[in-house]
Every structure is written in C-alpha cells, then in structure tokens.
C-alpha atoms as a PDB file:
ATOM      1  CA  MET A   1     -18.993 -10.024   7.711  1.00  0.00           C
ATOM      2  CA  VAL A   2     -15.935  -7.982   6.437  1.00  0.00           C
ATOM      3  CA  TYR A   3     -12.815  -9.845   5.937  1.00  0.00           C
ATOM      4  CA  LEU A   4      -9.390  -8.190   6.573  1.00  0.00           C
ATOM      5  CA  ASN A   5      -6.450  -9.710   5.118  1.00  0.00           C
ATOM      6  CA  ARG A   6      -3.507  -7.763   6.789  1.00  0.00           C
ATOM      7  CA  ALA A   7      -0.846  -9.649   4.681  1.00  0.00           C
ATOM      8  CA  THR A   8      -2.260  -7.950   1.517  1.00  0.00           C
ATOM      9  CA  ARG A   9      -3.972  -5.030   3.376  1.00  0.00           C
ATOM     10  CA  GLU A  10      -7.239  -5.729   1.705  1.00  0.00           C
ATOM     11  CA  MET A  11     -10.788  -5.288   3.253  1.00  0.00           C
ATOM     12  CA  SER A  12     -13.427  -7.620   1.539  1.00  0.00           C
ATOM     13  CA  VAL A  13     -16.983  -6.683   1.609  1.00  0.00           C
ATOM     14  CA  LYS A  14     -19.905  -9.034   0.621  1.00  0.00           C
ATOM     15  CA  ILE A  15     -23.015  -7.800  -1.101  1.00  0.00           C
ATOM     16  CA  VAL A  16     -25.784 -10.081  -2.019  1.00  0.00           C
ATOM     17  CA  TYR A  17     -28.456  -9.536  -4.560  1.00  0.00           C
ATOM     18  CA  CYS A  18     -31.772 -11.379  -3.510  1.00  0.00           C
ATOM     19  CA  GLY A  19     -35.118 -11.547  -4.990  1.00  0.00           C
ATOM     20  CA  ALA A  20     -37.626 -13.772  -6.834  1.00  0.00           C
ATOM     21  CA  GLY A  21     -36.367 -15.713  -9.790  1.00  0.00           C
ATOM     22  CA  LEU A  22     -35.806 -13.780 -12.980  1.00  0.00           C
ATOM     23  CA  SER A  23     -36.260 -10.504 -11.013  1.00  0.00           C
ATOM     24  CA  GLY A  24     -33.186  -9.157 -12.873  1.00  0.00           C
ATOM     25  CA  LYS A  25     -30.406  -9.922  -9.997  1.00  0.00           C
ATOM     26  CA  THR A  26     -28.048 -11.571 -12.645  1.00  0.00           C
ATOM     27  CA  THR A  27     -28.824  -8.674 -15.081  1.00  0.00           C
ATOM     28  CA  ASN A  28     -27.504  -6.156 -12.506  1.00  0.00           C
ATOM     29  CA  LEU A  29     -24.353  -8.184 -12.181  1.00  0.00           C
ATOM     30  CA  GLN A  30     -23.768  -8.708 -15.764  1.00  0.00           C
ATOM     31  CA  TYR A  31     -24.084  -5.083 -16.507  1.00  0.00           C
ATOM     32  CA  ILE A  32     -21.491  -4.184 -13.518  1.00  0.00           C
ATOM     33  CA  TYR A  33     -19.230  -6.648 -15.017  1.00  0.00           C
ATOM     34  CA  GLY A  34     -19.551  -5.461 -18.693  1.00  0.00           C
ATOM     35  CA  GLN A  35     -19.082  -1.659 -17.553  1.00  0.00           C
ATOM     36  CA  THR A  36     -16.107  -2.022 -15.089  1.00  0.00           C
ATOM     37  CA  ASN A  37     -12.660  -1.507 -16.126  1.00  0.00           C
ATOM     38  CA  PRO A  38     -10.813  -5.095 -16.673  1.00  0.00           C
ATOM     39  CA  VAL A  39      -8.088  -4.043 -14.239  1.00  0.00           C
ATOM     40  CA  ALA A  40     -10.719  -3.547 -11.490  1.00  0.00           C
ATOM     41  CA  LYS A  41     -12.686  -6.699 -11.563  1.00  0.00           C
ATOM     42  CA  GLY A  42     -11.887 -10.413 -11.330  1.00  0.00           C
ATOM     43  CA  GLU A  43     -13.723 -13.400 -13.039  1.00  0.00           C
ATOM     44  CA  MET A  44     -17.362 -13.780 -12.951  1.00  0.00           C
ATOM     45  CA  ILE A  45     -18.416 -17.313 -12.026  1.00  0.00           C
ATOM     46  CA  LYS A  46     -21.814 -18.431 -13.300  1.00  0.00           C
ATOM     47  CA  LEU A  47     -23.474 -21.537 -12.567  1.00  0.00           C
ATOM     48  CA  ASN A  48     -26.612 -22.558 -14.298  1.00  0.00           C
ATOM     49  CA  ASN A  49     -29.282 -25.203 -13.967  1.00  0.00           C
ATOM     50  CA  PRO A  50     -28.789 -27.139 -17.558  1.00  0.00           C
ATOM     51  CA  GLU A  51     -32.817 -27.601 -17.496  1.00  0.00           C
ATOM     52  CA  THR A  52     -33.881 -24.196 -17.031  1.00  0.00           C
ATOM     53  CA  GLU A  53     -30.814 -21.901 -17.815  1.00  0.00           C
ATOM     54  CA  ARG A  54     -31.507 -19.961 -14.650  1.00  0.00           C
ATOM     55  CA  THR A  55     -28.738 -18.976 -12.217  1.00  0.00           C
ATOM     56  CA  ILE A  56     -28.806 -21.500  -9.203  1.00  0.00           C
ATOM     57  CA  TYR A  57     -25.786 -20.807  -7.214  1.00  0.00           C
ATOM     58  CA  PHE A  58     -24.010 -17.104  -7.636  1.00  0.00           C
ATOM     59  CA  ASP A  59     -22.074 -14.733  -9.576  1.00  0.00           C
ATOM     60  CA  PHE A  60     -18.690 -13.969  -8.158  1.00  0.00           C
ATOM     61  CA  LEU A  61     -17.668 -10.081  -8.961  1.00  0.00           C
ATOM     62  CA  PRO A  62     -14.809  -8.661  -7.107  1.00  0.00           C
ATOM     63  CA  LEU A  63     -14.451  -4.787  -7.815  1.00  0.00           C
ATOM     64  CA  GLN A  64     -11.513  -2.862  -6.294  1.00  0.00           C
ATOM     65  CA  MET A  65     -12.991   0.358  -4.530  1.00  0.00           C
ATOM     66  CA  GLY A  66     -10.204   2.424  -3.248  1.00  0.00           C
ATOM     67  CA  GLU A  67      -8.842   2.540   0.090  1.00  0.00           C
ATOM     68  CA  ILE A  68      -9.950   2.864   3.627  1.00  0.00           C
ATOM     69  CA  ARG A  69      -7.448   3.612   6.594  1.00  0.00           C
ATOM     70  CA  GLY A  70      -4.416   2.148   4.395  1.00  0.00           C
ATOM     71  CA  HIS A  71      -6.728  -1.201   3.191  1.00  0.00           C
ATOM     72  CA  ARG A  72      -7.900  -1.642  -0.613  1.00  0.00           C
ATOM     73  CA  VAL A  73     -11.581  -2.263  -0.417  1.00  0.00           C
ATOM     74  CA  ARG A  74     -12.778  -5.026  -2.630  1.00  0.00           C
ATOM     75  CA  PHE A  75     -16.435  -5.802  -3.106  1.00  0.00           C
ATOM     76  CA  HIS A  76     -17.533  -9.315  -3.449  1.00  0.00           C
ATOM     77  CA  LEU A  77     -20.884  -9.459  -5.609  1.00  0.00           C
ATOM     78  CA  TYR A  78     -23.210 -12.276  -5.184  1.00  0.00           C
ATOM     79  CA  THR A  79     -26.566 -13.534  -6.408  1.00  0.00           C
ATOM     80  CA  VAL A  80     -28.833 -15.885  -4.550  1.00  0.00           C
ATOM     81  CA  PRO A  81     -31.038 -18.307  -6.533  1.00  0.00           C
ATOM     82  CA  GLY A  82     -34.449 -16.975  -6.749  1.00  0.00           C
ATOM     83  CA  GLN A  83     -36.324 -20.261  -6.857  1.00  0.00           C
ATOM     84  CA  ILE A  84     -37.487 -21.257  -3.560  1.00  0.00           C
ATOM     85  CA  PHE A  85     -36.289 -24.827  -3.533  1.00  0.00           C
ATOM     86  CA  TYR A  86     -32.818 -23.559  -3.549  1.00  0.00           C
ATOM     87  CA  ASP A  87     -33.384 -22.491   0.108  1.00  0.00           C
ATOM     88  CA  ALA A  88     -30.147 -24.005   1.741  1.00  0.00           C
ATOM     89  CA  THR A  89     -28.057 -22.689  -1.148  1.00  0.00           C
ATOM     90  CA  ARG A  90     -29.608 -19.124  -0.128  1.00  0.00           C
ATOM     91  CA  SER A  91     -28.850 -19.296   3.288  1.00  0.00           C
ATOM     92  CA  ILE A  92     -25.128 -20.377   2.613  1.00  0.00           C
ATOM     93  CA  ILE A  93     -24.570 -17.338   0.472  1.00  0.00           C
ATOM     94  CA  LEU A  94     -26.350 -14.818   2.754  1.00  0.00           C
ATOM     95  CA  LYS A  95     -24.275 -16.007   5.507  1.00  0.00           C
ATOM     96  CA  GLY A  96     -21.762 -13.183   6.311  1.00  0.00           C
ATOM     97  CA  ALA A  97     -23.136 -10.530   4.187  1.00  0.00           C
ATOM     98  CA  ASP A  98     -22.138  -6.900   4.750  1.00  0.00           C
ATOM     99  CA  GLY A  99     -25.027  -5.430   2.225  1.00  0.00           C
ATOM    100  CA  ILE A 100     -28.202  -6.864   0.607  1.00  0.00           C
ATOM    101  CA  VAL A 101     -29.760  -5.539  -2.612  1.00  0.00           C
ATOM    102  CA  PHE A 102     -33.419  -6.769  -2.889  1.00  0.00           C
ATOM    103  CA  VAL A 103     -34.600  -6.765  -6.464  1.00  0.00           C
ATOM    104  CA  VAL A 104     -38.261  -6.443  -7.159  1.00  0.00           C
ATOM    105  CA  ASP A 105     -39.790  -7.513 -10.526  1.00  0.00           C
ATOM    106  CA  SER A 106     -42.326  -4.700 -10.593  1.00  0.00           C
ATOM    107  CA  ARG A 107     -44.744  -6.466 -12.819  1.00  0.00           C
ATOM    108  CA  VAL A 108     -48.251  -7.314 -11.512  1.00  0.00           C
ATOM    109  CA  SER A 109     -48.079 -10.814 -12.442  1.00  0.00           C
ATOM    110  CA  ARG A 110     -45.011 -11.412 -10.119  1.00  0.00           C
ATOM    111  CA  LEU A 111     -46.296 -10.080  -7.062  1.00  0.00           C
ATOM    112  CA  ASP A 112     -46.492 -13.391  -5.140  1.00  0.00           C
ATOM    113  CA  ALA A 113     -43.126 -14.346  -5.955  1.00  0.00           C
ATOM    114  CA  THR A 114     -41.847 -11.180  -4.944  1.00  0.00           C
ATOM    115  CA  LEU A 115     -43.638 -11.281  -1.408  1.00  0.00           C
ATOM    116  CA  GLU A 116     -42.555 -14.844  -0.920  1.00  0.00           C
ATOM    117  CA  SER A 117     -39.101 -14.026  -1.730  1.00  0.00           C
ATOM    118  CA  TRP A 118     -38.967 -10.992   0.436  1.00  0.00           C
ATOM    119  CA  ASP A 119     -40.220 -13.130   3.295  1.00  0.00           C
ATOM    120  CA  ASN A 120     -37.838 -15.774   2.629  1.00  0.00           C
ATOM    121  CA  LEU A 121     -35.209 -13.430   2.954  1.00  0.00           C
ATOM    122  CA  HIS A 122     -36.034 -12.117   6.205  1.00  0.00           C
ATOM    123  CA  HIS A 123     -36.944 -15.573   7.498  1.00  0.00           C
ATOM    124  CA  HIS A 124     -33.021 -16.371   6.766  1.00  0.00           C
ATOM    125  CA  LEU A 125     -31.739 -13.043   8.187  1.00  0.00           C
ATOM    126  CA  ARG A 126     -33.509 -14.039  11.603  1.00  0.00           C
ATOM    127  CA  VAL A 127     -32.003 -17.561  11.586  1.00  0.00           C
ATOM    128  CA  LEU A 128     -28.372 -16.242  10.650  1.00  0.00           C
ATOM    129  CA  GLY A 129     -28.856 -13.349  13.453  1.00  0.00           C
ATOM    130  CA  LEU A 130     -28.565 -10.717  10.808  1.00  0.00           C
ATOM    131  CA  GLU A 131     -31.795  -8.788  10.781  1.00  0.00           C
ATOM    132  CA  ASN A 132     -31.581  -5.069  11.494  1.00  0.00           C
ATOM    133  CA  ARG A 133     -27.761  -5.513  11.434  1.00  0.00           C
ATOM    134  CA  VAL A 134     -27.397  -5.715   7.490  1.00  0.00           C
ATOM    135  CA  PRO A 135     -28.160  -2.731   5.367  1.00  0.00           C
ATOM    136  CA  ILE A 136     -30.737  -3.293   2.688  1.00  0.00           C
ATOM    137  CA  VAL A 137     -31.617  -1.242  -0.505  1.00  0.00           C
ATOM    138  CA  VAL A 138     -34.610  -2.223  -2.393  1.00  0.00           C
ATOM    139  CA  GLN A 139     -34.381  -1.964  -6.025  1.00  0.00           C
ATOM    140  CA  TYR A 140     -37.663  -1.803  -8.132  1.00  0.00           C
ATOM    141  CA  ASN A 141     -36.524  -3.334 -11.433  1.00  0.00           C
ATOM    142  CA  LYS A 142     -38.292  -3.579 -14.678  1.00  0.00           C
ATOM    143  CA  ARG A 143     -39.933   0.012 -14.528  1.00  0.00           C
ATOM    144  CA  ASP A 144     -39.826   0.001 -18.519  1.00  0.00           C
ATOM    145  CA  MET A 145     -42.412  -2.896 -18.945  1.00  0.00           C
ATOM    146  CA  ASN A 146     -46.169  -3.013 -19.227  1.00  0.00           C
ATOM    147  CA  ASN A 147     -48.428  -3.982 -16.502  1.00  0.00           C
ATOM    148  CA  ILE A 148     -46.382  -2.733 -13.305  1.00  0.00           C
ATOM    149  CA  MET A 149     -47.432  -1.686 -10.191  1.00  0.00           C
ATOM    150  CA  THR A 150     -46.267   1.622  -8.493  1.00  0.00           C
ATOM    151  CA  VAL A 151     -43.201   1.790  -6.344  1.00  0.00           C
ATOM    152  CA  ASP A 152     -45.388   2.777  -3.463  1.00  0.00           C
ATOM    153  CA  GLU A 153     -47.782  -0.190  -3.862  1.00  0.00           C
ATOM    154  CA  ILE A 154     -45.171  -2.568  -3.718  1.00  0.00           C
ATOM    155  CA  ARG A 155     -43.480  -0.827  -1.046  1.00  0.00           C
ATOM    156  CA  THR A 156     -46.556  -0.957   0.914  1.00  0.00           C
ATOM    157  CA  LEU A 157     -47.179  -4.609   0.505  1.00  0.00           C
ATOM    158  CA  LEU A 158     -43.665  -5.535   1.191  1.00  0.00           C
ATOM    159  CA  GLY A 159     -43.708  -3.232   4.351  1.00  0.00           C
ATOM    160  CA  ALA A 160     -40.481  -1.821   3.058  1.00  0.00           C
ATOM    161  CA  GLN A 161     -40.951   2.007   3.530  1.00  0.00           C
ATOM    162  CA  GLN A 162     -37.757   2.099   5.837  1.00  0.00           C
ATOM    163  CA  TYR A 163     -35.460   0.908   3.277  1.00  0.00           C
ATOM    164  CA  PRO A 164     -33.953   3.243   0.742  1.00  0.00           C
ATOM    165  CA  GLN A 165     -35.253   2.545  -2.830  1.00  0.00           C
ATOM    166  CA  ILE A 166     -33.907   2.780  -6.291  1.00  0.00           C
ATOM    167  CA  GLU A 167     -36.016   2.497  -9.556  1.00  0.00           C
ATOM    168  CA  ALA A 168     -34.353   0.396 -12.367  1.00  0.00           C
ATOM    169  CA  ALA A 169     -34.549  -1.097 -15.705  1.00  0.00           C
ATOM    170  CA  ALA A 170     -31.380  -3.215 -15.258  1.00  0.00           C
ATOM    171  CA  ASN A 171     -31.553  -4.513 -18.852  1.00  0.00           C
ATOM    172  CA  GLY A 172     -30.448  -1.041 -20.124  1.00  0.00           C
ATOM    173  CA  GLY A 173     -28.493  -0.099 -17.118  1.00  0.00           C
ATOM    174  CA  ARG A 174     -30.876   2.241 -15.367  1.00  0.00           C
ATOM    175  CA  GLY A 175     -30.436   2.288 -11.746  1.00  0.00           C
ATOM    176  CA  VAL A 176     -27.884  -0.343 -11.816  1.00  0.00           C
ATOM    177  CA  PHE A 177     -24.951   1.636 -10.504  1.00  0.00           C
ATOM    178  CA  GLU A 178     -27.010   3.972  -8.484  1.00  0.00           C
ATOM    179  CA  THR A 179     -28.234   0.857  -6.482  1.00  0.00           C
ATOM    180  CA  LEU A 180     -24.515  -0.413  -6.204  1.00  0.00           C
ATOM    181  CA  ARG A 181     -23.273   3.161  -4.806  1.00  0.00           C
ATOM    182  CA  ALA A 182     -26.232   3.103  -2.457  1.00  0.00           C
ATOM    183  CA  ILE A 183     -25.386  -0.421  -0.997  1.00  0.00           C
ATOM    184  CA  GLY A 184     -21.969   0.232  -1.199  1.00  0.00           C
ATOM    185  CA  LYS A 185     -22.144   3.460   0.857  1.00  0.00           C
ATOM    186  CA  LEU A 186     -24.474   1.687   3.588  1.00  0.00           C
ATOM    187  CA  ALA A 187     -22.317  -1.254   3.663  1.00  0.00           C
ATOM    188  CA  LEU A 188     -19.099   0.471   4.174  1.00  0.00           C
ATOM    189  CA  HIS A 189     -20.629   2.789   6.811  1.00  0.00           C
ATOM    190  CA  SER A 190     -21.829  -0.394   8.781  1.00  0.00           C
ATOM    191  CA  VAL A 191     -18.451  -1.915   8.483  1.00  0.00           C
ATOM    192  CA  ARG A 192     -16.915   1.182   9.936  1.00  0.00           C
ATOM    193  CA  GLU A 193     -19.183   1.204  12.954  1.00  0.00           C
ATOM    194  CA  GLN A 194     -18.740  -2.718  13.756  1.00  0.00           C
ATOM    195  CA  SER A 195     -14.928  -2.796  12.900  1.00  0.00           C
ATOM    196  CA  ALA A 196     -11.838  -1.274  14.133  1.00  0.00           C
ATOM    197  CA  ILE A 197      -9.604  -1.236  11.205  1.00  0.00           C
ATOM    198  CA  ALA A 198      -5.555  -0.864  11.850  1.00  0.00           C
ATOM    199  CA  ALA A 199      -4.027   1.811   9.756  1.00  0.00           C
END
C-alpha cells in the first residue's frame, strides 16, 4: 500500500519481484541498480544464505521517480526468496505491495518450479486480500538460453493471459527497464485510483 510522508512530501510505492529460485529476480534489480544515476538511488541491501549464496530475504532499492500532485515518488523494489521453504518471509514482503513482477525462468527444466511459485504467489495474495487488487506484470526471462518454452506455452500453463508480458534476458539487460516501466505505470495508476493525494 502506498505510503505518504506529508512532512517530506514523498509517496513511496512498493514493487515486489517474485518467481522461482534463480529465475532472475535479483539479476533484474542488480541491473537496474547498476544503470541508475547514483543520486537517484539508495543503498541496495542483499542478504544471502551462506550455504547456497541465494538471496533469501530482499533487495531494497529506492528510486526517485519525479512528482505526482506535489509528492516526489520513490519506488521501493524488493525480491522475495524463490525457495518455497521461505514461505513466511515471502508473505511478509508481499504485504502492502503496490505492484508485482513475476519473473519466469523460460527453461523447460524449470517449469515445475515456475508453476509452484505462481500458485504460491496467488495463495499469498488471497490470504493478504490483495488478489485482483494489485497489478501484475509477467516477465518471461532467459529468452537467450537453449531449451526454452515459447511464451504462449508458458502463459497458457500459468493461466496468465490477462497479464502484461515482457520478454527478457535480464543478465544482459534486455527487457529489464521495459518491465520496470510497465509495472511502474500500472502501480501508479492503481495508486491514483485508490488514494486521494493532497496537493
């Protein structure tokens, strides 16, 4: 849920990147962080499991995004841990989301993990009362790899035909900012509809 700080006249919008483990969530945020002007970003916070070196908590990345009705917009970008056994952490991070990017690993070998993660996301959205209230963009990542499924095949299996789609190869930056712009636009539209912002 959008947070307004009337003292600083800032509006904070929370975007959460979800998906199966190693689908490219952290790669997206690292690319955005590396390409963003230093004056427009805060510190990226990354917590890893020392045994697997996978992100298990979140990456935090605020971005200054101009003004809306006299309020500066600050995007907070998070990832949720992809591994299903971090379920409680995933629920905490999803709470209050204004927009969600679901990152798909397009490889055939990762289909089961992708489907499990998609179902888990919708379970949490139902529990949190956010289903059909938070915009979702689906990023079909790793399109530069071998043994990948077509986007249409994956969309059908997910039942994700109603969501905007972006094809990506996040390790090289393809589709990364397109995804951010797409979810940012939808999240801000949703915020405008749900909140009356004082000028």
